[in-house]
């Protein structure tokens, strides 16, 4: 069974980087963080003159730099802006178990005969982004509210509420549509001139 020596990184021992732009809770000594993207990002093709592609920017709208460390309400909103027309909305979540990010140790520190690894960072939080997020939730809530309110109106307030019949058929058009699709409903009556 192959074994690879594992070491701690000097950056991990040194302490937090003071120029790290991430919120204090997300900062690690080397400046690494986990960004989980649930959705698709449309990136332009890389050009030969510039091997890196600028994806966009990560924004924490409710975060204040001098705020109390106990106040974690800012974790509920995070935005990843990609280009000019795409925004992924998400939140910061604590990982159930910390994740260690390992990398190959620099050749000057490793021995010549075997490869060695080092723990670059230990990450405790991740930023989770989704494409639809709150828009889909709002659309579903509005649709359900409209159906429920329409059913209440049809059963209790509509002018035809006094006529007898099944309340489910009065509340929703589903029985009519079901019979129409199954072929158990006659079409419009054709009256012949007498």
N, C-alpha and C. Protein backbone atom coordinates (compact mmCIF):
# COMPACT_ATOMS: atom_id res chain seq x y z
N UNK A 1 0.85 -1.17 0.00
CA UNK A 1 0.00 0.00 0.00
C UNK A 1 0.90 1.23 0.00
N UNK A 2 0.70 2.11 -1.00
CA UNK A 2 1.55 3.31 -1.05
C UNK A 2 1.19 4.29 0.07
N UNK A 3 2.20 4.88 0.63
CA UNK A 3 2.00 5.91 1.65
C UNK A 3 2.69 7.19 1.21
N UNK A 4 2.06 8.30 1.52
CA UNK A 4 2.61 9.61 1.16
C UNK A 4 2.69 10.44 2.43
N UNK A 5 3.85 10.97 2.77
CA UNK A 5 3.95 11.82 3.96
C UNK A 5 3.09 13.08 3.82
N UNK A 6 2.46 13.48 4.91
CA UNK A 6 1.58 14.64 4.92
C UNK A 6 2.07 15.61 6.00
N UNK A 7 2.21 16.89 5.63
CA UNK A 7 2.73 17.91 6.55
C UNK A 7 1.73 19.06 6.65
N UNK A 8 1.93 19.91 7.64
CA UNK A 8 1.15 21.15 7.70
C UNK A 8 1.85 22.21 6.88
N UNK A 9 1.08 23.16 6.41
CA UNK A 9 1.61 24.23 5.58
C UNK A 9 2.15 25.35 6.47
N UNK A 10 3.24 26.03 6.04
CA UNK A 10 3.72 27.18 6.82
C UNK A 10 2.68 28.29 6.90
N UNK A 11 1.85 28.45 5.87
CA UNK A 11 0.81 29.49 5.89
C UNK A 11 -0.23 29.20 6.96
N UNK A 12 -0.46 27.90 7.25
CA UNK A 12 -1.44 27.52 8.24
C UNK A 12 -0.96 27.90 9.65
N UNK A 13 0.30 27.81 9.87
CA UNK A 13 0.86 28.13 11.19
C UNK A 13 1.00 29.64 11.38
N UNK A 14 1.24 30.36 10.30
CA UNK A 14 1.54 31.79 10.39
C UNK A 14 0.39 32.63 10.92
N UNK A 15 -0.85 32.25 10.64
CA UNK A 15 -1.99 33.05 11.09
C UNK A 15 -2.77 33.60 9.91
N UNK A 16 -3.78 34.39 10.20
CA UNK A 16 -4.67 34.90 9.17
C UNK A 16 -4.02 36.00 8.35
N UNK A 17 -4.27 35.97 7.06
CA UNK A 17 -3.77 36.99 6.14
C UNK A 17 -4.56 38.28 6.35
N UNK A 18 -3.93 39.41 6.71
CA UNK A 18 -4.70 40.63 6.98
C UNK A 18 -5.34 41.26 5.74
N UNK A 19 -4.90 40.90 4.53
CA UNK A 19 -5.46 41.51 3.32
C UNK A 19 -6.56 40.65 2.70
N UNK A 20 -7.03 39.64 3.40
CA UNK A 20 -8.07 38.76 2.88
C UNK A 20 -9.39 39.51 2.80
N UNK A 21 -10.02 39.58 1.61
CA UNK A 21 -11.28 40.34 1.47
C UNK A 21 -12.51 39.59 1.96
N UNK A 22 -12.38 38.31 2.26
CA UNK A 22 -13.53 37.53 2.72
C UNK A 22 -13.94 37.97 4.13
N UNK A 23 -15.22 37.75 4.50
CA UNK A 23 -15.62 38.00 5.89
C UNK A 23 -14.77 37.19 6.86
N UNK A 24 -14.57 37.71 8.06
CA UNK A 24 -13.67 37.12 9.05
C UNK A 24 -13.98 35.63 9.29
N UNK A 25 -15.24 35.27 9.31
CA UNK A 25 -15.63 33.88 9.57
C UNK A 25 -15.14 32.94 8.48
N UNK A 26 -15.02 33.41 7.26
CA UNK A 26 -14.60 32.58 6.13
C UNK A 26 -13.11 32.59 5.89
N UNK A 27 -12.38 33.44 6.57
CA UNK A 27 -10.95 33.59 6.29
C UNK A 27 -10.16 32.38 6.78
N UNK A 28 -9.22 31.99 5.94
CA UNK A 28 -8.25 30.95 6.30
C UNK A 28 -6.87 31.56 6.07
N UNK A 29 -5.83 30.99 6.67
CA UNK A 29 -4.50 31.60 6.55
C UNK A 29 -4.03 31.80 5.11
N UNK A 30 -4.33 30.87 4.23
CA UNK A 30 -3.88 30.99 2.84
C UNK A 30 -4.87 31.71 1.95
N UNK A 31 -6.04 32.08 2.47
CA UNK A 31 -7.02 32.79 1.68
C UNK A 31 -7.91 31.90 0.83
N UNK A 32 -7.90 30.60 1.08
CA UNK A 32 -8.74 29.68 0.30
C UNK A 32 -10.13 29.59 0.92
N UNK A 33 -11.13 29.33 0.10
CA UNK A 33 -12.50 29.14 0.56
C UNK A 33 -13.19 28.19 -0.40
N UNK A 34 -14.32 27.62 0.02
CA UNK A 34 -15.09 26.73 -0.83
C UNK A 34 -16.32 27.48 -1.33
N UNK A 35 -16.53 27.44 -2.64
CA UNK A 35 -17.69 28.05 -3.27
C UNK A 35 -18.40 26.94 -4.03
N UNK A 36 -19.58 26.52 -3.55
CA UNK A 36 -20.35 25.47 -4.20
C UNK A 36 -21.37 26.12 -5.11
N UNK A 37 -21.29 25.82 -6.39
CA UNK A 37 -22.18 26.43 -7.38
C UNK A 37 -23.20 25.39 -7.82
N UNK A 38 -24.47 25.67 -7.56
CA UNK A 38 -25.55 24.80 -8.01
C UNK A 38 -26.27 25.54 -9.13
N UNK A 39 -25.87 25.29 -10.31
CA UNK A 39 -26.39 26.00 -11.47
C UNK A 39 -25.29 26.01 -12.52
N UNK A 40 -25.53 26.67 -13.60
CA UNK A 40 -24.52 26.72 -14.64
C UNK A 40 -24.02 28.14 -14.82
N UNK A 41 -22.76 28.25 -15.12
CA UNK A 41 -22.14 29.54 -15.38
C UNK A 41 -21.72 29.56 -16.85
N UNK A 42 -22.15 30.57 -17.56
CA UNK A 42 -21.79 30.71 -18.97
C UNK A 42 -20.53 31.56 -19.06
N UNK A 43 -19.41 30.93 -19.35
CA UNK A 43 -18.13 31.62 -19.42
C UNK A 43 -17.70 31.84 -20.86
N UNK A 44 -17.06 32.97 -21.15
CA UNK A 44 -16.50 33.14 -22.49
C UNK A 44 -15.28 32.25 -22.66
N UNK A 45 -14.90 32.01 -23.89
CA UNK A 45 -13.73 31.18 -24.16
C UNK A 45 -12.46 31.94 -23.77
N UNK A 46 -11.48 31.20 -23.26
CA UNK A 46 -10.20 31.81 -22.88
C UNK A 46 -9.42 32.18 -24.13
N UNK A 47 -8.78 33.32 -24.08
CA UNK A 47 -7.96 33.75 -25.21
C UNK A 47 -6.51 33.33 -24.97
N UNK A 48 -5.74 33.13 -26.02
CA UNK A 48 -4.34 32.72 -25.84
C UNK A 48 -3.51 33.77 -25.12
N UNK A 49 -3.89 35.05 -25.27
CA UNK A 49 -3.10 36.11 -24.62
C UNK A 49 -3.37 36.17 -23.12
N UNK A 50 -4.55 35.76 -22.68
CA UNK A 50 -4.90 35.79 -21.25
C UNK A 50 -5.41 34.41 -20.85
N UNK A 51 -4.60 33.61 -20.14
CA UNK A 51 -5.03 32.25 -19.79
C UNK A 51 -6.11 32.23 -18.69
N UNK A 52 -6.25 33.31 -17.93
CA UNK A 52 -7.27 33.32 -16.88
C UNK A 52 -8.52 34.06 -17.37
N UNK A 53 -9.65 33.65 -16.87
CA UNK A 53 -10.93 34.27 -17.22
C UNK A 53 -11.51 34.90 -15.96
N UNK A 54 -11.88 36.16 -16.04
CA UNK A 54 -12.54 36.82 -14.91
C UNK A 54 -13.99 36.37 -14.88
N UNK A 55 -14.36 35.67 -13.82
CA UNK A 55 -15.72 35.13 -13.72
C UNK A 55 -16.69 36.20 -13.26
N UNK A 56 -16.33 36.94 -12.25
CA UNK A 56 -17.25 37.95 -11.72
C UNK A 56 -16.82 38.35 -10.31
N UNK A 57 -17.82 38.58 -9.45
CA UNK A 57 -17.50 39.00 -8.09
C UNK A 57 -18.45 38.34 -7.11
N UNK A 58 -17.97 38.12 -5.90
CA UNK A 58 -18.73 37.53 -4.81
C UNK A 58 -19.06 38.63 -3.83
N UNK A 59 -20.36 38.80 -3.50
CA UNK A 59 -20.81 39.91 -2.66
C UNK A 59 -21.59 39.35 -1.48
N UNK A 60 -21.29 39.86 -0.29
CA UNK A 60 -22.06 39.56 0.91
C UNK A 60 -22.76 40.85 1.31
N UNK A 61 -24.02 41.10 0.85
CA UNK A 61 -24.64 42.41 1.02
C UNK A 61 -24.91 42.82 2.46
N UNK A 62 -25.11 41.88 3.37
CA UNK A 62 -25.45 42.23 4.75
C UNK A 62 -24.24 42.21 5.68
N UNK A 63 -23.04 41.97 5.15
CA UNK A 63 -21.86 41.87 6.00
C UNK A 63 -21.26 43.25 6.28
N UNK A 64 -20.94 43.51 7.55
CA UNK A 64 -20.21 44.73 7.92
C UNK A 64 -18.90 44.30 8.56
N UNK A 65 -17.82 44.91 8.12
CA UNK A 65 -16.48 44.50 8.56
C UNK A 65 -16.28 44.65 10.06
N UNK A 66 -16.82 45.70 10.66
CA UNK A 66 -16.60 45.91 12.08
C UNK A 66 -17.69 45.33 12.95
N UNK A 67 -18.55 44.48 12.39
CA UNK A 67 -19.68 43.93 13.12
C UNK A 67 -19.27 42.90 14.16
N UNK A 68 -20.21 42.54 14.98
CA UNK A 68 -19.97 41.56 16.04
C UNK A 68 -19.77 40.17 15.43
N UNK A 69 -18.78 39.41 15.92
CA UNK A 69 -18.56 38.06 15.37
C UNK A 69 -19.73 37.11 15.66
N UNK A 70 -20.50 37.40 16.71
CA UNK A 70 -21.65 36.55 17.05
C UNK A 70 -22.81 36.76 16.08
N UNK A 71 -22.88 37.94 15.45
CA UNK A 71 -23.96 38.23 14.51
C UNK A 71 -23.66 37.53 13.19
N UNK A 72 -24.40 36.47 12.91
CA UNK A 72 -24.18 35.71 11.69
C UNK A 72 -25.38 35.80 10.75
N UNK A 73 -26.19 36.83 10.90
CA UNK A 73 -27.35 37.00 10.02
C UNK A 73 -26.92 37.31 8.58
N UNK A 74 -25.73 37.85 8.39
CA UNK A 74 -25.23 38.14 7.05
C UNK A 74 -25.02 36.87 6.24
N UNK A 75 -24.95 35.72 6.90
CA UNK A 75 -24.70 34.45 6.21
C UNK A 75 -25.88 34.00 5.37
N UNK A 76 -27.04 34.61 5.56
CA UNK A 76 -28.24 34.19 4.82
C UNK A 76 -28.26 34.69 3.38
N UNK A 77 -27.45 35.70 3.06
CA UNK A 77 -27.46 36.25 1.68
C UNK A 77 -26.04 36.40 1.16
N UNK A 78 -25.81 35.78 0.01
CA UNK A 78 -24.55 35.93 -0.71
C UNK A 78 -24.89 35.91 -2.20
N UNK A 79 -24.21 36.75 -2.97
CA UNK A 79 -24.48 36.83 -4.41
C UNK A 79 -23.17 36.63 -5.16
N UNK A 80 -23.23 35.82 -6.21
CA UNK A 80 -22.12 35.66 -7.13
C UNK A 80 -22.57 36.26 -8.45
N UNK A 81 -21.97 37.37 -8.84
CA UNK A 81 -22.29 38.04 -10.09
C UNK A 81 -21.34 37.52 -11.16
N UNK A 82 -21.90 36.99 -12.23
CA UNK A 82 -21.10 36.45 -13.33
C UNK A 82 -21.38 37.31 -14.55
N UNK A 83 -20.36 37.99 -15.01
CA UNK A 83 -20.54 38.88 -16.16
C UNK A 83 -21.49 40.02 -15.81
N UNK A 84 -22.26 40.46 -16.80
CA UNK A 84 -23.17 41.58 -16.57
C UNK A 84 -24.62 41.14 -16.38
N UNK A 85 -24.96 39.89 -16.74
CA UNK A 85 -26.36 39.53 -16.78
C UNK A 85 -26.73 38.32 -15.93
N UNK A 86 -25.84 37.76 -15.17
CA UNK A 86 -26.16 36.56 -14.41
C UNK A 86 -25.81 36.76 -12.94
N UNK A 87 -26.77 36.40 -12.07
CA UNK A 87 -26.54 36.49 -10.63
C UNK A 87 -26.99 35.20 -9.99
N UNK A 88 -26.10 34.59 -9.22
CA UNK A 88 -26.42 33.41 -8.45
C UNK A 88 -26.59 33.85 -7.00
N UNK A 89 -27.69 33.46 -6.39
CA UNK A 89 -27.97 33.84 -5.01
C UNK A 89 -27.75 32.64 -4.12
N UNK A 90 -27.21 32.88 -2.93
CA UNK A 90 -26.97 31.76 -2.03
C UNK A 90 -26.78 32.20 -0.61
N UNK A 91 -26.10 31.35 0.16
CA UNK A 91 -25.85 31.62 1.57
C UNK A 91 -24.57 30.93 2.00
N UNK A 92 -24.10 31.30 3.19
CA UNK A 92 -22.91 30.69 3.76
C UNK A 92 -23.37 29.63 4.76
N UNK A 93 -22.82 28.42 4.64
CA UNK A 93 -23.21 27.34 5.53
C UNK A 93 -21.97 26.74 6.19
N UNK A 94 -22.14 26.31 7.44
CA UNK A 94 -21.07 25.62 8.14
C UNK A 94 -21.04 24.18 7.65
N UNK A 95 -19.86 23.71 7.33
CA UNK A 95 -19.71 22.33 6.87
C UNK A 95 -19.95 21.37 8.04
N UNK A 96 -20.60 20.23 7.80
CA UNK A 96 -20.81 19.27 8.89
C UNK A 96 -19.48 18.76 9.45
N UNK A 97 -18.51 18.59 8.58
CA UNK A 97 -17.16 18.19 8.97
C UNK A 97 -16.18 19.09 8.24
N UNK A 98 -15.14 19.57 8.91
CA UNK A 98 -14.15 20.41 8.22
C UNK A 98 -13.51 19.66 7.06
N UNK A 99 -13.14 20.41 6.03
CA UNK A 99 -12.51 19.84 4.84
C UNK A 99 -11.07 20.33 4.78
N UNK A 100 -10.12 19.38 4.66
CA UNK A 100 -8.71 19.73 4.51
C UNK A 100 -8.37 19.74 3.03
N UNK A 101 -7.79 20.82 2.58
CA UNK A 101 -7.35 20.94 1.19
C UNK A 101 -5.86 20.65 1.17
N UNK A 102 -5.48 19.63 0.41
CA UNK A 102 -4.06 19.26 0.38
C UNK A 102 -3.48 19.58 -0.98
N UNK A 103 -2.17 19.79 -1.01
CA UNK A 103 -1.47 20.07 -2.26
C UNK A 103 -0.09 19.43 -2.20
N UNK A 104 0.53 19.35 -3.36
CA UNK A 104 1.88 18.80 -3.46
C UNK A 104 2.83 19.79 -2.79
N UNK A 105 3.75 19.28 -1.99
CA UNK A 105 4.71 20.13 -1.29
C UNK A 105 5.74 20.67 -2.27
N UNK A 106 6.20 21.89 -2.04
CA UNK A 106 7.22 22.49 -2.91
C UNK A 106 8.43 21.58 -3.01
N UNK A 107 9.05 21.54 -4.19
CA UNK A 107 10.16 20.62 -4.43
C UNK A 107 11.35 20.89 -3.51
N UNK A 108 11.54 22.12 -3.07
CA UNK A 108 12.65 22.44 -2.17
C UNK A 108 12.48 21.84 -0.79
N UNK A 109 11.21 21.65 -0.36
CA UNK A 109 10.94 21.12 0.96
C UNK A 109 10.83 19.60 0.96
N UNK A 110 10.48 19.01 -0.17
CA UNK A 110 10.31 17.56 -0.25
C UNK A 110 11.63 16.88 -0.57
N UNK A 111 11.72 15.64 -0.15
CA UNK A 111 12.93 14.89 -0.49
C UNK A 111 12.87 14.49 -1.95
N UNK A 112 14.02 14.24 -2.56
CA UNK A 112 14.10 13.98 -3.99
C UNK A 112 13.50 12.63 -4.37
N UNK A 113 13.52 11.63 -3.47
CA UNK A 113 13.09 10.30 -3.86
C UNK A 113 11.59 10.05 -3.73
N UNK A 114 10.85 10.84 -2.97
CA UNK A 114 9.42 10.61 -2.84
C UNK A 114 8.64 11.92 -2.80
N UNK A 115 7.40 11.86 -3.26
CA UNK A 115 6.52 13.01 -3.22
C UNK A 115 5.98 13.18 -1.81
N UNK A 116 5.76 14.43 -1.43
CA UNK A 116 5.16 14.71 -0.13
C UNK A 116 4.02 15.71 -0.34
N UNK A 117 3.03 15.63 0.52
CA UNK A 117 1.88 16.51 0.47
C UNK A 117 1.85 17.36 1.73
N UNK A 118 1.15 18.49 1.61
CA UNK A 118 0.94 19.32 2.79
C UNK A 118 -0.51 19.77 2.82
N UNK A 119 -1.00 20.01 4.02
CA UNK A 119 -2.36 20.52 4.18
C UNK A 119 -2.30 22.02 3.92
N UNK A 120 -2.91 22.45 2.83
CA UNK A 120 -2.90 23.86 2.48
C UNK A 120 -3.83 24.65 3.38
N UNK A 121 -5.02 24.14 3.62
CA UNK A 121 -6.02 24.82 4.45
C UNK A 121 -6.95 23.80 5.09
N UNK A 122 -7.59 24.21 6.15
CA UNK A 122 -8.72 23.49 6.71
C UNK A 122 -9.88 24.47 6.65
N UNK A 123 -10.93 24.10 5.91
CA UNK A 123 -12.06 25.00 5.67
C UNK A 123 -13.26 24.51 6.48
N UNK A 124 -13.91 25.43 7.17
CA UNK A 124 -15.04 25.10 8.03
C UNK A 124 -16.38 25.56 7.47
N UNK A 125 -16.38 26.52 6.54
CA UNK A 125 -17.60 27.07 5.97
C UNK A 125 -17.51 27.02 4.45
N UNK A 126 -18.68 27.01 3.81
CA UNK A 126 -18.73 27.09 2.35
C UNK A 126 -19.80 28.11 1.97
N UNK A 127 -19.62 28.70 0.80
CA UNK A 127 -20.63 29.59 0.24
C UNK A 127 -21.37 28.79 -0.81
N UNK A 128 -22.67 28.63 -0.62
CA UNK A 128 -23.51 27.83 -1.49
C UNK A 128 -24.37 28.76 -2.33
N UNK A 129 -24.28 28.65 -3.65
CA UNK A 129 -25.08 29.51 -4.53
C UNK A 129 -25.98 28.67 -5.41
N UNK A 130 -27.16 29.19 -5.70
CA UNK A 130 -28.10 28.54 -6.61
C UNK A 130 -28.56 29.56 -7.63
N UNK A 131 -28.94 29.08 -8.79
CA UNK A 131 -29.32 29.99 -9.87
C UNK A 131 -30.71 30.57 -9.66
N UNK A 132 -31.69 29.74 -9.35
CA UNK A 132 -33.07 30.23 -9.26
C UNK A 132 -33.37 30.82 -7.89
N UNK A 133 -32.95 30.15 -6.84
CA UNK A 133 -33.09 30.64 -5.48
C UNK A 133 -34.47 31.13 -5.12
N UNK A 134 -34.53 32.35 -4.72
CA UNK A 134 -35.77 32.91 -4.18
C UNK A 134 -36.81 33.17 -5.26
N UNK A 135 -36.41 33.33 -6.51
CA UNK A 135 -37.37 33.60 -7.58
C UNK A 135 -38.32 32.41 -7.75
N UNK A 136 -37.77 31.21 -7.77
CA UNK A 136 -38.58 30.01 -7.90
C UNK A 136 -39.50 29.85 -6.70
N UNK A 137 -39.01 30.12 -5.51
CA UNK A 137 -39.82 30.02 -4.30
C UNK A 137 -40.99 31.00 -4.35
N UNK A 138 -40.74 32.22 -4.77
CA UNK A 138 -41.80 33.23 -4.86
C UNK A 138 -42.84 32.81 -5.91
N UNK A 139 -42.40 32.32 -7.06
CA UNK A 139 -43.34 31.90 -8.09
C UNK A 139 -44.23 30.75 -7.62
N UNK A 140 -43.66 29.79 -6.93
CA UNK A 140 -44.45 28.67 -6.41
C UNK A 140 -45.44 29.18 -5.36
N UNK A 141 -45.00 30.05 -4.46
CA UNK A 141 -45.88 30.57 -3.41
C UNK A 141 -47.03 31.38 -4.01
N UNK A 142 -46.77 32.20 -5.01
CA UNK A 142 -47.82 32.99 -5.64
C UNK A 142 -48.82 32.08 -6.37
N UNK A 143 -48.34 31.05 -7.04
CA UNK A 143 -49.23 30.13 -7.75
C UNK A 143 -50.14 29.38 -6.77
N UNK A 144 -49.57 28.88 -5.69
CA UNK A 144 -50.37 28.16 -4.69
C UNK A 144 -51.39 29.10 -4.04
N UNK A 145 -50.98 30.31 -3.71
CA UNK A 145 -51.90 31.28 -3.11
C UNK A 145 -53.04 31.61 -4.06
N UNK A 146 -52.76 31.75 -5.34
CA UNK A 146 -53.81 32.08 -6.30
C UNK A 146 -54.82 30.94 -6.41
N UNK A 147 -54.34 29.70 -6.46
CA UNK A 147 -55.24 28.55 -6.56
C UNK A 147 -56.13 28.45 -5.32
N UNK A 148 -55.54 28.61 -4.14
CA UNK A 148 -56.30 28.49 -2.90
C UNK A 148 -57.32 29.62 -2.79
N UNK A 149 -56.91 30.85 -3.06
CA UNK A 149 -57.84 31.98 -2.97
C UNK A 149 -58.96 31.87 -4.01
N UNK A 150 -58.65 31.39 -5.19
CA UNK A 150 -59.68 31.21 -6.23
C UNK A 150 -60.68 30.15 -5.79
N UNK A 151 -60.21 29.06 -5.19
CA UNK A 151 -61.10 28.00 -4.71
C UNK A 151 -62.02 28.53 -3.61
N UNK A 152 -61.47 29.30 -2.67
CA UNK A 152 -62.28 29.87 -1.59
C UNK A 152 -63.33 30.81 -2.17
N UNK A 153 -62.96 31.64 -3.11
CA UNK A 153 -63.91 32.56 -3.72
C UNK A 153 -65.03 31.79 -4.43
N UNK A 154 -64.66 30.78 -5.23
CA UNK A 154 -65.66 30.03 -6.00
C UNK A 154 -66.64 29.29 -5.10
N UNK A 155 -66.19 28.76 -3.98
CA UNK A 155 -67.08 27.99 -3.10
C UNK A 155 -67.94 28.89 -2.22
N UNK A 156 -67.40 30.00 -1.72
CA UNK A 156 -68.12 30.79 -0.72
C UNK A 156 -68.64 32.15 -1.20
N UNK A 157 -68.10 32.73 -2.24
CA UNK A 157 -68.48 34.10 -2.62
C UNK A 157 -68.99 34.25 -4.05
N UNK A 158 -68.84 33.28 -4.89
CA UNK A 158 -69.25 33.37 -6.29
C UNK A 158 -70.78 33.42 -6.38
N UNK A 159 -71.33 34.15 -7.36
CA UNK A 159 -72.80 34.22 -7.49
C UNK A 159 -73.47 32.85 -7.72
N UNK A 160 -72.78 31.89 -8.26
CA UNK A 160 -73.36 30.57 -8.51
C UNK A 160 -73.19 29.60 -7.34
N UNK A 161 -72.73 30.09 -6.19
CA UNK A 161 -72.47 29.22 -5.04
C UNK A 161 -73.74 28.58 -4.50
N UNK A 162 -74.92 29.17 -4.77
CA UNK A 162 -76.18 28.68 -4.21
C UNK A 162 -76.69 27.43 -4.93
N UNK A 163 -76.18 27.16 -6.13
CA UNK A 163 -76.65 26.01 -6.88
C UNK A 163 -76.00 24.74 -6.34
N UNK A 164 -76.78 23.64 -6.26
CA UNK A 164 -76.22 22.41 -5.69
C UNK A 164 -75.17 21.78 -6.62
N UNK A 165 -74.31 20.98 -6.02
CA UNK A 165 -73.28 20.28 -6.77
C UNK A 165 -72.07 20.03 -5.89
N UNK A 166 -71.15 19.22 -6.38
CA UNK A 166 -69.96 18.92 -5.58
C UNK A 166 -69.10 20.17 -5.38
N UNK A 167 -68.64 20.36 -4.14
CA UNK A 167 -67.84 21.54 -3.82
C UNK A 167 -66.48 21.51 -4.54
N UNK A 168 -65.92 20.32 -4.74
CA UNK A 168 -64.63 20.23 -5.43
C UNK A 168 -64.76 20.71 -6.87
N UNK A 169 -65.88 20.38 -7.50
CA UNK A 169 -66.11 20.84 -8.88
C UNK A 169 -66.36 22.35 -8.91
N UNK A 170 -66.92 22.89 -7.83
CA UNK A 170 -67.14 24.34 -7.78
C UNK A 170 -65.83 25.07 -7.52
N UNK A 171 -64.94 24.46 -6.77
CA UNK A 171 -63.70 25.12 -6.36
C UNK A 171 -62.66 25.15 -7.47
N UNK A 172 -62.61 24.11 -8.29
CA UNK A 172 -61.53 23.99 -9.26
C UNK A 172 -62.05 23.40 -10.56
N UNK A 173 -61.44 23.70 -11.68
CA UNK A 173 -61.86 23.10 -12.95
C UNK A 173 -61.28 21.72 -13.20
N UNK A 174 -60.61 21.12 -12.23
CA UNK A 174 -59.96 19.82 -12.44
C UNK A 174 -60.93 18.70 -12.82
N UNK A 175 -62.12 18.56 -12.19
CA UNK A 175 -63.03 17.49 -12.64
C UNK A 175 -63.46 17.66 -14.10
N UNK A 176 -63.70 18.88 -14.52
CA UNK A 176 -64.08 19.15 -15.90
C UNK A 176 -62.95 18.75 -16.86
N UNK A 177 -61.73 19.17 -16.53
CA UNK A 177 -60.57 18.85 -17.38
C UNK A 177 -60.33 17.36 -17.41
N UNK A 178 -60.48 16.67 -16.27
CA UNK A 178 -60.26 15.22 -16.20
C UNK A 178 -61.25 14.48 -17.10
N UNK A 179 -62.53 14.84 -17.04
CA UNK A 179 -63.53 14.18 -17.87
C UNK A 179 -63.30 14.50 -19.34
N UNK A 180 -62.90 15.73 -19.64
CA UNK A 180 -62.65 16.12 -21.02
C UNK A 180 -61.47 15.33 -21.62
N UNK A 181 -60.39 15.17 -20.84
CA UNK A 181 -59.22 14.44 -21.33
C UNK A 181 -59.46 12.94 -21.45
N UNK A 182 -60.32 12.38 -20.60
CA UNK A 182 -60.60 10.94 -20.64
C UNK A 182 -61.70 10.58 -21.63
N UNK A 183 -62.29 11.58 -22.27
CA UNK A 183 -63.31 11.30 -23.28
C UNK A 183 -64.67 10.97 -22.70
N UNK A 184 -64.92 11.28 -21.45
CA UNK A 184 -66.20 10.97 -20.83
C UNK A 184 -67.10 12.19 -20.75
N UNK A 185 -66.83 13.18 -21.56
CA UNK A 185 -67.66 14.38 -21.53
C UNK A 185 -68.13 14.67 -22.94
N UNK A 186 -69.39 14.97 -23.05
CA UNK A 186 -69.90 15.35 -24.37
C UNK A 186 -69.47 16.76 -24.68
N UNK A 187 -69.28 17.03 -25.96
CA UNK A 187 -68.93 18.37 -26.39
C UNK A 187 -70.14 19.27 -26.35
N UNK A 188 -70.05 20.44 -26.97
CA UNK A 188 -71.20 21.34 -26.99
C UNK A 188 -72.38 20.68 -27.70
N UNK A 189 -73.56 20.98 -27.23
CA UNK A 189 -74.77 20.38 -27.82
C UNK A 189 -75.07 21.05 -29.15
N UNK A 190 -75.37 20.22 -30.12
CA UNK A 190 -75.76 20.74 -31.44
C UNK A 190 -77.28 20.68 -31.53
N UNK A 191 -77.89 21.79 -31.60
CA UNK A 191 -79.35 21.85 -31.72
C UNK A 191 -79.71 21.96 -33.20
N UNK A 192 -80.60 21.11 -33.58
CA UNK A 192 -81.06 21.16 -34.96
C UNK A 192 -82.27 22.07 -35.03
N UNK A 193 -82.32 22.78 -36.05
CA UNK A 193 -83.49 23.67 -36.22
C UNK A 193 -84.72 22.82 -36.50
N UNK A 194 -85.78 23.09 -35.78
CA UNK A 194 -86.99 22.28 -35.94
C UNK A 194 -87.90 22.81 -37.01
